[in-house]
Amino acid sequence: MELAERIAELERQLEARNQEVAVLKAALESLEAEVERLRREQSKHSGNSGKPPSSDTLTQRSEQQQERLSRAERRRRARAKAKKLMGEQPKRRPGKQPGGPGANLAQVAGPDRIVDHRPDRCGGCGGGLADAEVVATERRQVFDLPKRRLEVTEHRAESRRCSCGRTTKAPFPPEARASATYGPLVRAVGVYLLAGQHIPVARAAALLAQVCGAPVSTGWLAGLTTEAAGGLEGFLAVLRAQLAAEDVLHADETGARISGARHWFHVACTDLLTLLDCHEKRGAEAFEDMAVLPFFSGVLVSDGWRSYWSYDACEHALCCAHLLRDLAAVAQVDRYQRWADDMADLLVEAKKAVEAALAAEEAGLSARQLKALRTRYTRIVKAGYAAVPEGHRAGSYDRDAYNLLRRFDTQRADICRYWANPAVSFDNNAADRDLRMVKLQQKVSGCFRTMAGAKAFCAVRSYLHTARKHGLAHLDVLNQLFQGNPWTPEPAGPAP
């Protein structure tokens, strides 16, 4: 009897101990998951995630530099070995090549002003040289800014009475909008400083006063961007229509604060066109308001944001620069490093192969090259599935690796579209570059004060970006705008 009671007591203690072990095991798993999550967050930087380079620590920057040097050295050795086997000449060094044309400040044939300098006395005997023979003349030209002063133009509108008795008054030009007002060039310089160079209003006003002799007020200057945007309705309509008709389009978005709340700035661009806009939403509502993607039927290059895939009328291409960062993050785990590095190498090699084909004036990769690349791609995906374990905890490296592998498997046509269509870019850097000025403006000013001001900034930046891509000077097109004749891009001609 005592033995049975003792056994029962031990069984109860064992059961209690098992329950305690189960609780501790669950707590341990939770802590391990939390540690892994924190380790993953700590290891993220601009090289393996979408974080900006400004957020990298000194240690992370040093590690990235070492990794880049290591990869660059491996690739350099591989290229040198291949070139040696093929008997190719080494690649030329960057910079000006021997015998190439240089660039320097050159004299002009018709200077604005000529100043003659004559010696008055001989450097030997000291005699006068007023009537001496001129035997040689050496020219040197000094390029400088004109004296800072405003040029005042008075416009006089006459009123004349016809023989019929009616009096008709001549109209004033658009820039003569008041009895005394600053002209289009002063306004153009003001907008260029604010929206083109992102200089704060007070400093821009000081610059105009000191350098240009135009003592403008900060209030007047602050309203110039909105005034400029008011004259761009026709330009923006033309820009939207041309973007929607393009064959390849880049799109991206970034967050910024407007009136203290988070909003989203969107861009749709090509090599010659840029449209910026802002909206309180990140997805479809913003795209509809922007009025480009709903009418686009070409190839849309973007990141993995799912809202872009809601448009079925166009084909899609994923930004491989984003994918390379994701692969770099997955490669931090040893069991995933092989397939992740192999896939990254394949993407880069395919890019170089396309560039080489275009440099050789070929239409693109041959059918044989495409077949070889696709075979390697499939083999790497299979190797990735073999490396991914069965279970995947949410927020773990395994889950990230599996999700990335699934993307490479299910979206391979979008990832590899640049292989068969050389017009499609390898990355989405064009959109990133056009959005960069939004982040710079926020960095300078802290945030955008009003939605109307942010919209005006987007309109003016769209105008300036597009003009620059066409090789036009910002001041010239802004001067045209304030003269009431804004520049608009000509529609692209048919492909050759």
Protein backbone atom coordinates (compact mmCIF):
# COMPACT_ATOMS: atom_id res chain seq x y z
CA MET A 1 0.00 0.00 0.00
CA GLU A 2 2.77 2.39 0.91
CA LEU A 3 4.63 1.42 -2.25
CA ALA A 4 1.60 2.20 -4.43
CA GLU A 5 1.16 5.57 -2.73
CA ARG A 6 4.84 6.29 -3.21
CA ILE A 7 4.64 5.44 -6.89
CA ALA A 8 1.57 7.65 -7.31
CA GLU A 9 3.35 10.51 -5.57
CA LEU A 10 6.37 10.13 -7.83
CA GLU A 11 4.15 10.06 -10.90
CA ARG A 12 2.48 13.31 -9.77
CA GLN A 13 5.86 14.90 -9.22
CA LEU A 14 7.03 13.70 -12.63
CA GLU A 15 3.92 15.10 -14.27
CA ALA A 16 4.43 18.44 -12.52
CA ARG A 17 8.08 18.40 -13.56
CA ASN A 18 7.11 17.63 -17.16
CA GLN A 19 4.68 20.52 -17.16
CA GLU A 20 7.37 22.80 -15.75
CA VAL A 21 9.82 21.63 -18.41
CA ALA A 22 7.23 22.28 -21.11
CA VAL A 23 6.68 25.82 -19.81
CA LEU A 24 10.44 26.46 -19.65
CA LYS A 25 10.91 25.00 -23.12
CA ALA A 26 8.22 27.27 -24.54
CA ALA A 27 9.81 30.26 -22.79
CA LEU A 28 13.21 29.26 -24.15
CA GLU A 29 11.87 29.00 -27.69
CA SER A 30 10.23 32.40 -27.31
CA LEU A 31 13.49 33.91 -26.05
CA GLU A 32 15.45 32.27 -28.84
CA ALA A 33 13.02 33.69 -31.39
CA GLU A 34 13.32 37.14 -29.80
CA VAL A 35 17.13 36.92 -29.79
CA GLU A 36 17.11 35.86 -33.44
CA ARG A 37 14.77 38.73 -34.31
CA LEU A 38 17.00 41.24 -32.53
CA ARG A 39 20.09 39.75 -34.17
CA ARG A 40 18.44 40.07 -37.58
CA GLU A 41 17.44 43.67 -36.92
CA GLN A 42 20.94 44.45 -35.65
CA SER A 43 22.54 42.94 -38.75
CA LYS A 44 20.44 44.93 -41.22
CA HIS A 45 22.18 47.72 -43.10
CA SER A 46 22.00 49.40 -46.49
CA GLY A 47 23.82 46.50 -48.13
CA ASN A 48 21.32 43.78 -47.22
CA SER A 49 18.05 45.66 -46.71
CA GLY A 50 16.17 48.76 -47.78
CA LYS A 51 17.67 50.90 -45.00
CA PRO A 52 19.34 54.12 -46.19
CA PRO A 53 23.17 54.37 -46.07
CA SER A 54 22.89 57.22 -43.55
CA SER A 55 21.60 54.74 -40.93
CA ASP A 56 24.69 52.50 -41.15
CA THR A 57 27.05 52.48 -38.18
CA LEU A 58 30.81 52.86 -38.59
CA THR A 59 31.24 49.15 -37.94
CA GLN A 60 28.66 48.23 -40.56
CA ARG A 61 30.28 50.54 -43.10
CA SER A 62 33.67 48.98 -42.43
CA GLU A 63 32.26 45.46 -42.78
CA GLN A 64 30.52 46.35 -46.04
CA GLN A 65 33.71 47.88 -47.39
CA GLN A 66 35.68 44.75 -46.57
CA GLU A 67 33.01 42.55 -48.15
CA ARG A 68 32.96 44.70 -51.30
CA LEU A 69 36.74 44.58 -51.53
CA SER A 70 36.72 40.82 -51.08
CA ARG A 71 34.07 40.31 -53.77
CA ALA A 72 35.75 42.79 -56.10
CA GLU A 73 39.09 41.05 -55.71
CA ARG A 74 37.58 37.63 -56.42
CA ARG A 75 35.82 38.94 -59.52
CA ARG A 76 38.94 40.83 -60.66
CA ARG A 77 41.02 37.67 -60.45
CA ALA A 78 38.37 35.68 -62.30
CA ARG A 79 38.15 38.29 -65.08
CA ALA A 80 41.94 38.53 -65.37
CA LYS A 81 42.22 34.75 -65.63
CA ALA A 82 39.51 34.58 -68.29
CA LYS A 83 41.08 37.39 -70.30
CA LYS A 84 44.49 35.75 -70.08
CA LEU A 85 43.06 32.50 -71.42
CA MET A 86 41.24 34.33 -74.22
CA GLY A 87 44.19 36.59 -75.03
CA GLU A 88 42.30 39.83 -74.39
CA GLN A 89 43.93 43.11 -73.48
CA PRO A 90 43.44 44.40 -69.91
CA LYS A 91 40.65 46.86 -69.34
CA ARG A 92 41.66 50.51 -69.64
CA ARG A 93 42.05 52.52 -66.47
CA PRO A 94 39.31 54.98 -65.46
CA GLY A 95 39.68 58.68 -66.19
CA LYS A 96 41.16 60.56 -69.14
CA GLN A 97 42.94 58.25 -71.58
CA PRO A 98 46.32 59.11 -73.11
CA GLY A 99 45.79 61.22 -76.21
CA GLY A 100 42.15 61.89 -75.41
CA PRO A 101 40.66 65.41 -75.60
CA GLY A 102 40.81 67.40 -72.39
CA ALA A 103 38.42 69.96 -70.93
CA ASN A 104 39.49 73.42 -69.75
CA LEU A 105 38.40 77.05 -69.71
CA ALA A 106 39.15 78.36 -73.21
CA GLN A 107 39.39 81.91 -74.53
CA VAL A 108 36.55 83.33 -76.61
CA ALA A 109 36.83 85.21 -79.88
CA GLY A 110 34.60 88.14 -78.88
CA PRO A 111 35.18 89.27 -75.27
CA ASP A 112 32.67 91.70 -73.76
CA ARG A 113 35.36 94.19 -72.74
CA ILE A 114 39.00 94.74 -73.72
CA VAL A 115 41.50 96.47 -71.44
CA ASP A 116 44.89 97.37 -72.95
CA HIS A 117 47.92 97.49 -70.65
CA ARG A 118 50.90 99.54 -71.91
CA PRO A 119 54.36 99.84 -70.34
CA ASP A 120 55.22 103.51 -69.69
CA ARG A 121 58.98 103.17 -69.18
CA CYS A 122 61.73 100.88 -70.45
CA GLY A 123 62.80 98.18 -68.06
CA GLY A 124 66.45 98.69 -69.15
CA CYS A 125 67.32 102.39 -69.60
CA GLY A 126 64.20 103.86 -68.02
CA GLY A 127 63.21 105.85 -71.09
CA GLY A 128 59.62 106.62 -72.01
CA LEU A 129 57.70 104.22 -74.28
CA ALA A 130 54.76 106.39 -75.31
CA ASP A 131 55.75 106.42 -79.02
CA ALA A 132 57.62 103.08 -79.03
CA GLU A 133 56.85 100.35 -81.54
CA VAL A 134 54.45 97.57 -80.44
CA VAL A 135 56.25 94.32 -81.26
CA ALA A 136 53.94 91.76 -79.59
CA THR A 137 50.68 91.47 -77.69
CA GLU A 138 49.79 88.69 -75.24
CA ARG A 139 46.16 88.01 -74.42
CA ARG A 140 44.68 86.73 -71.17
CA GLN A 141 40.96 86.56 -70.51
CA VAL A 142 39.28 86.75 -67.09
CA PHE A 143 35.80 85.24 -66.76
CA ASP A 144 33.83 86.83 -63.92
CA LEU A 145 30.30 87.72 -62.88
CA PRO A 146 28.91 91.13 -63.82
CA LYS A 147 28.45 93.77 -61.17
CA ARG A 148 25.55 92.86 -58.92
CA ARG A 149 22.66 95.20 -59.63
CA LEU A 150 19.08 94.93 -60.79
CA GLU A 151 18.20 96.11 -64.27
CA VAL A 152 14.95 98.09 -64.17
CA THR A 153 12.76 98.06 -67.27
CA GLU A 154 9.83 100.45 -67.39
CA HIS A 155 6.88 99.31 -69.48
CA ARG A 156 4.55 102.02 -70.76
CA ALA A 157 1.17 101.05 -72.15
CA GLU A 158 -0.31 103.69 -74.41
CA SER A 159 -4.03 104.31 -74.82
CA ARG A 160 -5.06 105.54 -78.25
CA ARG A 161 -8.40 106.85 -79.43
CA CYS A 162 -9.68 105.67 -82.79
CA SER A 163 -11.54 107.91 -85.20
CA CYS A 164 -14.65 105.94 -84.27
CA GLY A 165 -14.34 107.33 -80.75
CA ARG A 166 -13.24 104.14 -78.94
CA THR A 167 -10.07 104.17 -76.82
CA THR A 168 -7.83 101.08 -76.86
CA LYS A 169 -5.03 100.43 -74.35
CA ALA A 170 -1.96 98.31 -75.17
CA PRO A 171 -1.58 95.22 -72.92
CA PHE A 172 1.34 94.86 -70.54
CA PRO A 173 3.61 91.79 -70.87
CA PRO A 174 2.95 88.97 -68.38
CA GLU A 175 5.94 89.88 -66.19
CA ALA A 176 4.67 93.46 -65.63
CA ARG A 177 1.99 92.36 -63.18
CA ALA A 178 2.13 95.40 -60.83
CA SER A 179 3.41 98.96 -60.70
CA ALA A 180 6.73 97.65 -59.33
CA THR A 181 7.53 93.94 -59.35
CA TYR A 182 10.42 91.55 -59.67
CA GLY A 183 10.87 90.09 -63.13
CA PRO A 184 10.84 86.47 -64.36
CA LEU A 185 14.59 85.94 -64.00
CA VAL A 186 14.62 86.97 -60.32
CA ARG A 187 11.67 84.66 -59.73
CA ALA A 188 13.41 81.88 -61.66
CA VAL A 189 16.55 82.23 -59.53
CA GLY A 190 14.43 82.17 -56.37
CA VAL A 191 12.65 78.93 -57.34
CA TYR A 192 15.94 77.43 -58.49
CA LEU A 193 17.48 78.09 -55.07
CA LEU A 194 14.47 76.70 -53.18
CA ALA A 195 13.37 73.71 -55.27
CA GLY A 196 16.45 73.20 -57.40
CA GLN A 197 19.18 73.52 -54.78
CA HIS A 198 17.04 72.98 -51.64
CA ILE A 199 18.34 76.07 -49.85
CA PRO A 200 16.25 77.26 -46.87
CA VAL A 201 14.11 80.33 -47.52
CA ALA A 202 16.01 82.75 -45.25
CA ARG A 203 19.38 81.77 -46.70
CA ALA A 204 18.03 81.97 -50.25
CA ALA A 205 16.74 85.49 -49.56
CA ALA A 206 20.14 86.49 -48.17
CA LEU A 207 21.86 85.04 -51.24
CA LEU A 208 19.61 86.97 -53.62
CA ALA A 209 20.29 90.18 -51.72
CA GLN A 210 24.07 89.73 -51.46
CA VAL A 211 24.89 88.16 -54.82
CA CYS A 212 22.16 89.50 -57.11
CA GLY A 213 21.35 92.79 -55.41
CA ALA A 214 17.69 91.79 -55.04
CA PRO A 215 16.57 92.36 -51.40
CA VAL A 216 13.48 90.14 -51.54
CA SER A 217 11.38 89.27 -48.50
CA THR A 218 11.20 85.71 -47.19
CA GLY A 219 7.41 85.73 -47.48
CA TRP A 220 7.49 86.67 -51.16
CA LEU A 221 10.21 84.11 -51.81
CA ALA A 222 8.36 81.32 -49.98
CA GLY A 223 5.34 81.76 -52.26
CA LEU A 224 7.30 81.43 -55.50
CA THR A 225 7.19 77.61 -55.65
CA THR A 226 3.39 77.61 -55.44
CA GLU A 227 3.25 80.38 -58.06
CA ALA A 228 5.49 78.34 -60.36
CA ALA A 229 3.39 75.20 -59.89
CA GLY A 230 0.28 77.17 -60.89
CA GLY A 231 1.70 77.58 -64.39
CA LEU A 232 2.51 73.90 -64.89
CA GLU A 233 -0.95 72.36 -65.42
CA GLY A 234 -0.39 72.01 -69.16
CA PHE A 235 3.10 70.60 -68.67
CA LEU A 236 1.85 68.00 -66.17
CA ALA A 237 -0.98 66.91 -68.47
CA VAL A 238 1.48 66.38 -71.34
CA LEU A 239 3.88 64.59 -69.00
CA ARG A 240 1.23 62.13 -67.75
CA ALA A 241 0.13 61.32 -71.30
CA GLN A 242 3.70 60.70 -72.48
CA LEU A 243 4.55 58.51 -69.48
CA ALA A 244 1.45 56.37 -70.00
CA ALA A 245 2.50 55.80 -73.64
CA GLU A 246 6.07 54.68 -72.81
CA ASP A 247 7.30 51.13 -73.41
CA VAL A 248 9.22 50.88 -70.11
CA LEU A 249 8.40 52.79 -66.94
CA HIS A 250 10.05 52.99 -63.52
CA ALA A 251 7.94 53.51 -60.38
CA ASP A 252 8.77 53.81 -56.70
CA GLU A 253 7.61 55.51 -53.50
CA THR A 254 9.10 56.85 -50.29
CA GLY A 255 7.67 58.14 -47.03
CA ALA A 256 7.95 61.73 -45.80
CA ARG A 257 6.18 63.91 -43.27
CA ILE A 258 3.62 66.51 -44.36
CA SER A 259 2.01 68.66 -41.64
CA GLY A 260 3.53 66.29 -39.07
CA ALA A 261 1.87 63.15 -40.50
CA ARG A 262 3.43 60.44 -42.64
CA HIS A 263 2.57 60.65 -46.33
CA TRP A 264 3.98 59.04 -49.46
CA PHE A 265 5.82 60.54 -52.40
CA HIS A 266 5.47 58.62 -55.66
CA VAL A 267 7.48 58.76 -58.86
CA ALA A 268 6.93 57.49 -62.40
CA CYS A 269 9.86 58.09 -64.71
CA THR A 270 11.92 57.15 -67.76
CA ASP A 271 15.31 58.28 -69.05
CA LEU A 272 13.70 61.50 -70.33
CA LEU A 273 10.61 62.04 -68.17
CA THR A 274 9.92 62.38 -64.44
CA LEU A 275 6.61 62.81 -62.63
CA LEU A 276 6.57 63.29 -58.85
CA ASP A 277 3.43 63.40 -56.74
CA CYS A 278 2.44 62.97 -53.10
CA HIS A 279 -0.52 61.31 -51.42
CA GLU A 280 -1.62 60.22 -47.97
CA LYS A 281 -1.82 56.62 -49.24
CA ARG A 282 0.93 54.35 -50.46
CA GLY A 283 -0.99 52.06 -52.81
CA ALA A 284 -3.74 52.00 -55.43
CA GLU A 285 -5.49 55.24 -54.37
CA ALA A 286 -2.29 57.19 -54.93
CA PHE A 287 -1.70 55.51 -58.31
CA GLU A 288 -5.21 56.41 -59.43
CA ASP A 289 -4.73 60.02 -58.34
CA MET A 290 -1.39 60.17 -60.17
CA ALA A 291 -3.19 59.04 -63.37
CA VAL A 292 -0.31 57.19 -65.06
CA LEU A 293 -0.28 53.52 -64.09
CA PRO A 294 -4.01 52.93 -64.78
CA PHE A 295 -3.35 53.82 -68.44
CA PHE A 296 0.05 52.16 -68.83
CA SER A 297 0.48 48.96 -70.88
CA GLY A 298 4.26 48.56 -71.22
CA VAL A 299 6.78 47.06 -68.78
CA LEU A 300 6.71 48.45 -65.24
CA VAL A 301 10.00 48.21 -63.30
CA SER A 302 9.45 48.37 -59.53
CA ASP A 303 10.31 46.80 -56.22
CA GLY A 304 8.23 44.09 -54.55
CA TRP A 305 5.44 46.36 -53.29
CA ARG A 306 2.29 44.34 -54.00
CA SER A 307 0.14 47.29 -55.09
CA TYR A 308 2.04 47.55 -58.37
CA TRP A 309 0.95 44.03 -59.26
CA SER A 310 -2.72 45.05 -59.14
CA TYR A 311 -2.33 46.38 -62.70
CA ASP A 312 -2.73 43.54 -65.19
CA ALA A 313 -2.60 45.56 -68.41
CA CYS A 314 1.18 45.91 -68.14
CA GLU A 315 4.05 43.48 -67.69
CA HIS A 316 6.24 43.70 -64.61
CA ALA A 317 9.97 43.61 -63.91
CA LEU A 318 11.47 43.34 -60.43
CA CYS A 319 14.37 45.55 -59.35
CA CYS A 320 17.38 43.23 -59.13
CA ALA A 321 19.26 45.68 -56.90
CA HIS A 322 16.65 45.02 -54.21
CA LEU A 323 16.96 41.28 -54.81
CA LEU A 324 20.75 41.43 -54.43
CA ARG A 325 20.34 43.06 -51.02
CA ASP A 326 17.82 40.39 -50.01
CA LEU A 327 20.21 37.67 -51.17
CA ALA A 328 23.02 39.26 -49.17
CA ALA A 329 20.85 39.11 -46.04
CA VAL A 330 19.96 35.45 -46.62
CA ALA A 331 23.62 34.58 -47.31
CA GLN A 332 24.47 35.49 -43.70
CA VAL A 333 23.20 32.02 -42.74
CA ASP A 334 25.79 29.39 -43.70
CA ARG A 335 23.34 26.81 -45.05
CA TYR A 336 21.84 29.40 -47.42
CA GLN A 337 25.05 31.11 -48.48
CA ARG A 338 25.79 28.83 -51.43
CA TRP A 339 22.53 29.20 -53.33
CA ALA A 340 22.13 32.88 -52.42
CA ASP A 341 25.63 33.74 -53.69
CA ASP A 342 25.11 31.62 -56.81
CA MET A 343 21.87 33.44 -57.60
CA ALA A 344 23.48 36.85 -57.02
CA ASP A 345 26.36 35.93 -59.32
CA LEU A 346 23.92 34.76 -61.98
CA LEU A 347 21.96 38.01 -61.91
CA VAL A 348 25.13 40.09 -62.23
CA GLU A 349 26.60 37.88 -64.96
CA ALA A 350 23.39 38.11 -66.97
CA LYS A 351 23.47 41.90 -66.66
CA LYS A 352 27.04 42.03 -67.97
CA ALA A 353 26.16 39.65 -70.78
CA VAL A 354 23.29 41.89 -71.89
CA GLU A 355 25.53 44.96 -71.74
CA ALA A 356 28.22 43.19 -73.77
CA ALA A 357 25.66 42.18 -76.40
CA LEU A 358 24.39 45.75 -76.71
CA ALA A 359 27.97 47.09 -76.89
CA ALA A 360 28.55 44.69 -79.78
CA GLU A 361 25.49 46.21 -81.50
CA GLU A 362 23.51 43.00 -81.16
CA ALA A 363 19.77 42.91 -80.47
CA GLY A 364 20.32 41.13 -77.16
CA LEU A 365 21.26 37.72 -75.84
CA SER A 366 21.14 34.79 -78.21
CA ALA A 367 18.73 31.89 -77.75
CA ARG A 368 21.65 29.72 -76.65
CA GLN A 369 22.71 32.21 -73.97
CA LEU A 370 19.15 32.55 -72.71
CA LYS A 371 18.76 28.78 -72.45
CA ALA A 372 22.01 28.45 -70.51
CA LEU A 373 21.05 31.21 -68.07
CA ARG A 374 17.58 29.79 -67.48
CA THR A 375 18.99 26.31 -66.87
CA ARG A 376 21.37 27.69 -64.24
CA TYR A 377 18.51 29.65 -62.70
CA THR A 378 16.35 26.53 -62.32
CA ARG A 379 19.25 24.54 -60.86
CA ILE A 380 19.94 27.24 -58.25
CA VAL A 381 16.27 27.39 -57.23
CA LYS A 382 16.23 23.61 -56.73
CA ALA A 383 19.38 23.84 -54.61
CA GLY A 384 17.69 26.54 -52.53
CA TYR A 385 14.68 24.33 -51.82
CA ALA A 386 17.03 21.53 -50.75
CA ALA A 387 18.67 23.90 -48.24
CA VAL A 388 15.46 25.33 -46.74
CA PRO A 389 14.24 23.28 -43.74
CA GLU A 390 10.69 22.01 -43.34
CA GLY A 391 9.44 24.30 -40.56
CA HIS A 392 9.56 28.09 -40.65
CA ARG A 393 8.99 30.28 -37.60
CA ALA A 394 7.51 33.66 -38.35
CA GLY A 395 10.18 36.35 -38.34
CA SER A 396 13.06 33.88 -38.61
CA TYR A 397 15.91 33.62 -41.09
CA ASP A 398 14.30 30.42 -42.38
CA ARG A 399 11.07 32.24 -43.18
CA ASP A 400 12.92 35.07 -44.94
CA ALA A 401 14.96 32.59 -46.95
CA TYR A 402 11.88 30.59 -47.93
CA ASN A 403 9.90 33.69 -48.93
CA LEU A 404 12.77 34.97 -51.05
CA LEU A 405 13.20 31.57 -52.68
CA ARG A 406 9.48 31.43 -53.44
CA ARG A 407 9.74 34.84 -55.10
CA PHE A 408 12.59 33.63 -57.30
CA ASP A 409 10.53 30.54 -58.16
CA THR A 410 7.12 32.07 -58.83
CA GLN A 411 8.23 35.43 -60.29
CA ARG A 412 11.13 34.29 -62.41
CA ALA A 413 9.64 35.89 -65.54
CA ASP A 414 9.52 39.27 -63.78
CA ILE A 415 13.03 38.86 -62.36
CA CYS A 416 14.61 37.76 -65.65
CA ARG A 417 12.74 40.08 -67.98
CA TYR A 418 15.85 42.14 -68.69
CA TRP A 419 17.49 39.01 -70.17
CA ALA A 420 15.19 38.84 -73.18
CA ASN A 421 14.25 42.55 -73.37
CA PRO A 422 17.32 44.81 -73.26
CA ALA A 423 15.07 47.88 -72.96
CA VAL A 424 14.20 46.76 -69.42
CA SER A 425 16.66 47.93 -66.78
CA PHE A 426 18.45 45.60 -64.40
CA ASP A 427 17.47 47.79 -61.45
CA ASN A 428 15.09 50.56 -60.45
CA ASN A 429 17.80 53.11 -59.73
CA ALA A 430 16.24 55.65 -62.10
CA ALA A 431 13.24 55.98 -59.77
CA ASP A 432 15.47 55.98 -56.68
CA ARG A 433 17.52 58.86 -58.05
CA ASP A 434 14.45 60.95 -58.86
CA LEU A 435 13.05 60.38 -55.36
CA ARG A 436 16.31 61.29 -53.66
CA MET A 437 15.59 65.02 -53.87
CA VAL A 438 12.44 64.53 -51.77
CA LYS A 439 14.54 63.09 -48.95
CA LEU A 440 17.06 65.91 -49.33
CA GLN A 441 14.32 68.53 -49.11
CA GLN A 442 12.97 66.86 -45.97
CA LYS A 443 16.46 66.73 -44.50
CA VAL A 444 16.91 70.47 -45.08
CA SER A 445 13.45 71.63 -43.98
CA GLY A 446 12.45 68.91 -41.49
CA CYS A 447 9.10 68.28 -43.18
CA PHE A 448 6.68 69.77 -45.65
CA ARG A 449 4.39 72.25 -43.92
CA THR A 450 1.24 71.74 -46.01
CA MET A 451 -0.06 69.31 -48.60
CA ALA A 452 -0.44 72.21 -51.07
CA GLY A 453 3.23 73.10 -50.58
CA ALA A 454 4.28 69.48 -51.06
CA LYS A 455 2.20 69.21 -54.25
CA ALA A 456 3.78 72.42 -55.56
CA PHE A 457 7.26 71.08 -54.78
CA CYS A 458 6.46 67.86 -56.69
CA ALA A 459 5.22 69.79 -59.73
CA VAL A 460 8.30 72.01 -59.87
CA ARG A 461 10.70 69.10 -59.30
CA SER A 462 8.94 67.17 -62.10
CA TYR A 463 9.52 70.16 -64.38
CA LEU A 464 13.18 70.53 -63.42
CA HIS A 465 13.96 66.79 -63.52
CA THR A 466 12.44 66.40 -66.97
CA ALA A 467 14.17 69.51 -68.34
CA ARG A 468 17.55 68.34 -67.03
CA LYS A 469 17.08 64.95 -68.69
CA HIS A 470 16.56 66.81 -71.98
CA GLY A 471 19.82 68.74 -71.47
CA LEU A 472 18.16 72.05 -70.59
CA ALA A 473 19.33 74.47 -67.90
CA HIS A 474 17.05 74.90 -64.90
CA LEU A 475 17.22 78.69 -64.99
CA ASP A 476 16.28 78.82 -68.67
CA VAL A 477 13.12 76.72 -68.31
CA LEU A 478 12.12 78.51 -65.10
CA ASN A 479 12.54 81.85 -66.85
CA GLN A 480 10.28 80.56 -69.63
CA LEU A 481 7.74 79.48 -67.03
CA PHE A 482 7.54 82.90 -65.38
CA GLN A 483 7.27 84.54 -68.78
CA GLY A 484 4.05 82.58 -69.25
CA ASN A 485 5.47 80.12 -71.78
CA PRO A 486 6.45 76.94 -69.88
CA TRP A 487 8.59 74.40 -71.71
CA THR A 488 6.99 71.05 -72.54
CA PRO A 489 8.77 67.91 -73.77
CA GLU A 490 8.26 66.86 -77.33
CA PRO A 491 6.69 63.41 -77.79
CA ALA A 492 9.23 60.68 -78.47
CA GLY A 493 9.51 59.63 -82.09
CA PRO A 494 9.00 56.07 -83.32
CA ALA A 495 11.70 53.57 -82.43
CA PRO A 496 14.30 53.13 -85.18
